[in-house]
Amino acid sequence: MPHDRWQNFFNPESFFSDEWLRSSKLPAVNISEDDKNFYIDVVAPGFKKDDFTINVDDDMLTISAETKMESEEKDNNNKQYNRREYSYNSFTRSFQLPDNVKDTNIEAKYADGILKLNLLKSEQKAKPKKQIAIG
């Protein structure tokens, strides 16, 4: 039945896999570390530096970006058409910061489609141990 094959081809639920839909919404993130720093690279082409917002609240690092574009074509050379296109792209990613990160000293740079964050490590603070009595 050729008709059924074409119907499935144009059905977004069968055409796009779940993996493709998940990966299209969030940018790829690479996290690495050395002795002094953690590094977070967010692959986010198509954005400008001013499109990003980076916040730290209660040891939660949140990176978000939003961009909107609009273009319009009008009647040209006596052709009867108008076209207006909108483009909107946004994402938000959050990361729990380790205990040994100085959240007051985070550097961020955006170049060549990659947002690079440098998180300075501090001395690891040992959390106090406490024994809980069973009643």
C-alpha atoms as a PDB file:
ATOM      1  CA  MET A   1       0.000   0.000   0.000  1.00  0.00           C
ATOM      2  CA  PRO A   2       1.976   3.009  -1.211  1.00  0.00           C
ATOM      3  CA  HIS A   3      -0.495   5.457   0.276  1.00  0.00           C
ATOM      4  CA  ASP A   4       0.194   4.242   3.838  1.00  0.00           C
ATOM      5  CA  ARG A   5       3.948   4.633   3.397  1.00  0.00           C
ATOM      6  CA  TRP A   6       3.577   8.264   2.342  1.00  0.00           C
ATOM      7  CA  GLN A   7       1.128   8.924   5.143  1.00  0.00           C
ATOM      8  CA  ASN A   8       3.717   7.686   7.660  1.00  0.00           C
ATOM      9  CA  PHE A   9       6.451   9.682   5.935  1.00  0.00           C
ATOM     10  CA  PHE A  10       4.613  12.945   6.595  1.00  0.00           C
ATOM     11  CA  ASN A  11       3.581  11.962  10.112  1.00  0.00           C
ATOM     12  CA  PRO A  12       6.050  13.723  12.454  1.00  0.00           C
ATOM     13  CA  GLU A  13       5.535  11.093  15.152  1.00  0.00           C
ATOM     14  CA  SER A  14       6.874   8.335  12.906  1.00  0.00           C
ATOM     15  CA  PHE A  15       9.302  10.418  10.831  1.00  0.00           C
ATOM     16  CA  PHE A  16      11.304  11.853  13.733  1.00  0.00           C
ATOM     17  CA  SER A  17      12.648   9.471  16.324  1.00  0.00           C
ATOM     18  CA  ASP A  18      12.312  10.246  20.041  1.00  0.00           C
ATOM     19  CA  GLU A  19      16.098  10.628  20.222  1.00  0.00           C
ATOM     20  CA  TRP A  20      16.060  13.290  17.520  1.00  0.00           C
ATOM     21  CA  LEU A  21      13.281  15.204  19.268  1.00  0.00           C
ATOM     22  CA  ARG A  22      15.120  15.132  22.630  1.00  0.00           C
ATOM     23  CA  SER A  23      18.453  16.152  21.149  1.00  0.00           C
ATOM     24  CA  SER A  24      16.962  19.017  19.131  1.00  0.00           C
ATOM     25  CA  LYS A  25      15.720  20.837  22.227  1.00  0.00           C
ATOM     26  CA  LEU A  26      18.885  21.050  24.334  1.00  0.00           C
ATOM     27  CA  PRO A  27      22.402  21.904  23.264  1.00  0.00           C
ATOM     28  CA  ALA A  28      25.199  19.431  23.850  1.00  0.00           C
ATOM     29  CA  VAL A  29      27.257  20.040  26.984  1.00  0.00           C
ATOM     30  CA  ASN A  30      30.793  18.873  27.738  1.00  0.00           C
ATOM     31  CA  ILE A  31      32.005  18.977  31.351  1.00  0.00           C
ATOM     32  CA  SER A  32      35.618  18.441  32.304  1.00  0.00           C
ATOM     33  CA  GLU A  33      37.948  19.311  35.166  1.00  0.00           C
ATOM     34  CA  ASP A  34      41.549  19.658  36.204  1.00  0.00           C
ATOM     35  CA  ASP A  35      43.146  20.320  39.609  1.00  0.00           C
ATOM     36  CA  LYS A  36      42.011  23.957  39.771  1.00  0.00           C
ATOM     37  CA  ASN A  37      38.867  24.266  37.633  1.00  0.00           C
ATOM     38  CA  PHE A  38      35.713  22.717  36.252  1.00  0.00           C
ATOM     39  CA  TYR A  39      34.972  23.534  32.600  1.00  0.00           C
ATOM     40  CA  ILE A  40      31.547  23.553  30.982  1.00  0.00           C
ATOM     41  CA  ASP A  41      31.258  23.911  27.208  1.00  0.00           C
ATOM     42  CA  VAL A  42      27.752  24.465  25.831  1.00  0.00           C
ATOM     43  CA  VAL A  43      27.481  23.970  22.064  1.00  0.00           C
ATOM     44  CA  ALA A  44      24.956  26.645  21.060  1.00  0.00           C
ATOM     45  CA  PRO A  45      25.517  28.011  17.544  1.00  0.00           C
ATOM     46  CA  GLY A  46      23.246  30.719  16.192  1.00  0.00           C
ATOM     47  CA  PHE A  47      23.137  32.742  19.387  1.00  0.00           C
ATOM     48  CA  LYS A  48      24.838  36.022  20.279  1.00  0.00           C
ATOM     49  CA  LYS A  49      26.598  36.744  23.546  1.00  0.00           C
ATOM     50  CA  ASP A  50      23.696  38.943  24.693  1.00  0.00           C
ATOM     51  CA  ASP A  51      21.169  36.094  24.192  1.00  0.00           C
ATOM     52  CA  PHE A  52      22.548  34.169  27.205  1.00  0.00           C
ATOM     53  CA  THR A  53      21.639  34.460  30.874  1.00  0.00           C
ATOM     54  CA  ILE A  54      23.728  32.663  33.507  1.00  0.00           C
ATOM     55  CA  ASN A  55      22.571  32.555  37.129  1.00  0.00           C
ATOM     56  CA  VAL A  56      23.682  30.829  40.320  1.00  0.00           C
ATOM     57  CA  ASP A  57      21.072  30.339  43.018  1.00  0.00           C
ATOM     58  CA  ASP A  58      21.604  28.069  46.027  1.00  0.00           C
ATOM     59  CA  ASP A  59      24.428  26.119  44.322  1.00  0.00           C
ATOM     60  CA  MET A  60      22.363  25.624  41.150  1.00  0.00           C
ATOM     61  CA  LEU A  61      23.967  26.959  37.958  1.00  0.00           C
ATOM     62  CA  THR A  62      21.361  27.787  35.306  1.00  0.00           C
ATOM     63  CA  ILE A  63      22.282  28.629  31.720  1.00  0.00           C
ATOM     64  CA  SER A  64      19.552  29.867  29.423  1.00  0.00           C
ATOM     65  CA  ALA A  65      19.413  31.515  26.023  1.00  0.00           C
ATOM     66  CA  GLU A  66      16.719  32.964  23.830  1.00  0.00           C
ATOM     67  CA  THR A  67      16.801  34.425  20.351  1.00  0.00           C
ATOM     68  CA  LYS A  68      14.037  35.702  18.081  1.00  0.00           C
ATOM     69  CA  MET A  69      14.322  36.546  14.413  1.00  0.00           C
ATOM     70  CA  GLU A  70      11.770  38.001  12.021  1.00  0.00           C
ATOM     71  CA  SER A  71      12.003  38.569   8.291  1.00  0.00           C
ATOM     72  CA  GLU A  72       9.461  39.930   5.850  1.00  0.00           C
ATOM     73  CA  GLU A  73       9.208  40.057   2.074  1.00  0.00           C
ATOM     74  CA  LYS A  74       6.737  42.321   0.331  1.00  0.00           C
ATOM     75  CA  ASP A  75       5.356  42.611  -3.181  1.00  0.00           C
ATOM     76  CA  ASN A  76       8.316  42.959  -5.525  1.00  0.00           C
ATOM     77  CA  ASN A  77       8.297  43.632  -9.295  1.00  0.00           C
ATOM     78  CA  ASN A  78       4.486  43.431  -9.496  1.00  0.00           C
ATOM     79  CA  LYS A  79       4.383  39.933  -7.999  1.00  0.00           C
ATOM     80  CA  GLN A  80       1.493  39.393  -5.652  1.00  0.00           C
ATOM     81  CA  TYR A  81       2.951  37.865  -2.533  1.00  0.00           C
ATOM     82  CA  ASN A  82       3.792  38.688   1.031  1.00  0.00           C
ATOM     83  CA  ARG A  83       5.823  36.459   3.262  1.00  0.00           C
ATOM     84  CA  ARG A  84       6.715  36.833   6.899  1.00  0.00           C
ATOM     85  CA  GLU A  85       8.819  34.288   8.760  1.00  0.00           C
ATOM     86  CA  TYR A  86       9.502  34.023  12.460  1.00  0.00           C
ATOM     87  CA  SER A  87      12.205  32.062  14.166  1.00  0.00           C
ATOM     88  CA  TYR A  88      12.382  31.457  17.899  1.00  0.00           C
ATOM     89  CA  ASN A  89      14.995  29.391  19.688  1.00  0.00           C
ATOM     90  CA  SER A  90      15.519  28.944  23.422  1.00  0.00           C
ATOM     91  CA  PHE A  91      16.862  26.520  25.993  1.00  0.00           C
ATOM     92  CA  THR A  92      17.579  26.229  29.697  1.00  0.00           C
ATOM     93  CA  ARG A  93      20.089  23.884  31.321  1.00  0.00           C
ATOM     94  CA  SER A  94      20.716  23.608  35.072  1.00  0.00           C
ATOM     95  CA  PHE A  95      23.598  21.986  36.947  1.00  0.00           C
ATOM     96  CA  GLN A  96      24.071  21.339  40.664  1.00  0.00           C
ATOM     97  CA  LEU A  97      27.432  22.824  41.630  1.00  0.00           C
ATOM     98  CA  PRO A  98      29.814  20.649  43.653  1.00  0.00           C
ATOM     99  CA  ASP A  99      30.679  21.770  47.181  1.00  0.00           C
ATOM    100  CA  ASN A 100      34.172  22.757  46.077  1.00  0.00           C
ATOM    101  CA  VAL A 101      33.170  25.414  43.521  1.00  0.00           C
ATOM    102  CA  LYS A 102      33.510  29.107  44.236  1.00  0.00           C
ATOM    103  CA  ASP A 103      30.254  30.405  42.780  1.00  0.00           C
ATOM    104  CA  THR A 104      31.526  33.982  43.089  1.00  0.00           C
ATOM    105  CA  ASN A 105      34.324  33.333  40.605  1.00  0.00           C
ATOM    106  CA  ILE A 106      32.759  31.907  37.430  1.00  0.00           C
ATOM    107  CA  GLU A 107      33.988  33.155  34.061  1.00  0.00           C
ATOM    108  CA  ALA A 108      32.018  32.827  30.827  1.00  0.00           C
ATOM    109  CA  LYS A 109      32.943  33.498  27.185  1.00  0.00           C
ATOM    110  CA  TYR A 110      31.030  32.884  23.962  1.00  0.00           C
ATOM    111  CA  ALA A 111      32.855  32.405  20.675  1.00  0.00           C
ATOM    112  CA  ASP A 112      32.412  30.300  17.548  1.00  0.00           C
ATOM    113  CA  GLY A 113      29.064  28.912  18.734  1.00  0.00           C
ATOM    114  CA  ILE A 114      30.378  27.587  22.053  1.00  0.00           C
ATOM    115  CA  LEU A 115      29.666  29.062  25.481  1.00  0.00           C
ATOM    116  CA  LYS A 116      32.650  28.273  27.718  1.00  0.00           C
ATOM    117  CA  LEU A 117      32.388  28.484  31.498  1.00  0.00           C
ATOM    118  CA  ASN A 118      35.342  28.240  33.859  1.00  0.00           C
ATOM    119  CA  LEU A 119      34.426  27.401  37.470  1.00  0.00           C
ATOM    120  CA  LEU A 120      37.235  27.848  39.969  1.00  0.00           C
ATOM    121  CA  LYS A 121      37.564  25.111  42.581  1.00  0.00           C
ATOM    122  CA  SER A 122      37.983  25.928  46.256  1.00  0.00           C
ATOM    123  CA  GLU A 123      39.195  23.793  49.117  1.00  0.00           C
ATOM    124  CA  GLN A 124      36.901  20.848  49.684  1.00  0.00           C
ATOM    125  CA  LYS A 125      35.009  21.458  52.885  1.00  0.00           C
ATOM    126  CA  ALA A 126      34.289  18.343  54.850  1.00  0.00           C
ATOM    127  CA  LYS A 127      30.702  18.258  55.982  1.00  0.00           C
ATOM    128  CA  PRO A 128      30.321  17.535  59.695  1.00  0.00           C
ATOM    129  CA  LYS A 129      29.330  13.998  60.580  1.00  0.00           C
ATOM    130  CA  LYS A 130      26.368  13.462  62.816  1.00  0.00           C
ATOM    131  CA  GLN A 131      24.980  10.268  64.216  1.00  0.00           C
ATOM    132  CA  ILE A 132      21.220  10.036  64.354  1.00  0.00           C
ATOM    133  CA  ALA A 133      19.731   8.278  67.363  1.00  0.00           C
ATOM    134  CA  ILE A 134      16.928   5.854  66.698  1.00  0.00           C
ATOM    135  CA  GLY A 135      13.982   6.384  69.010  1.00  0.00           C
END
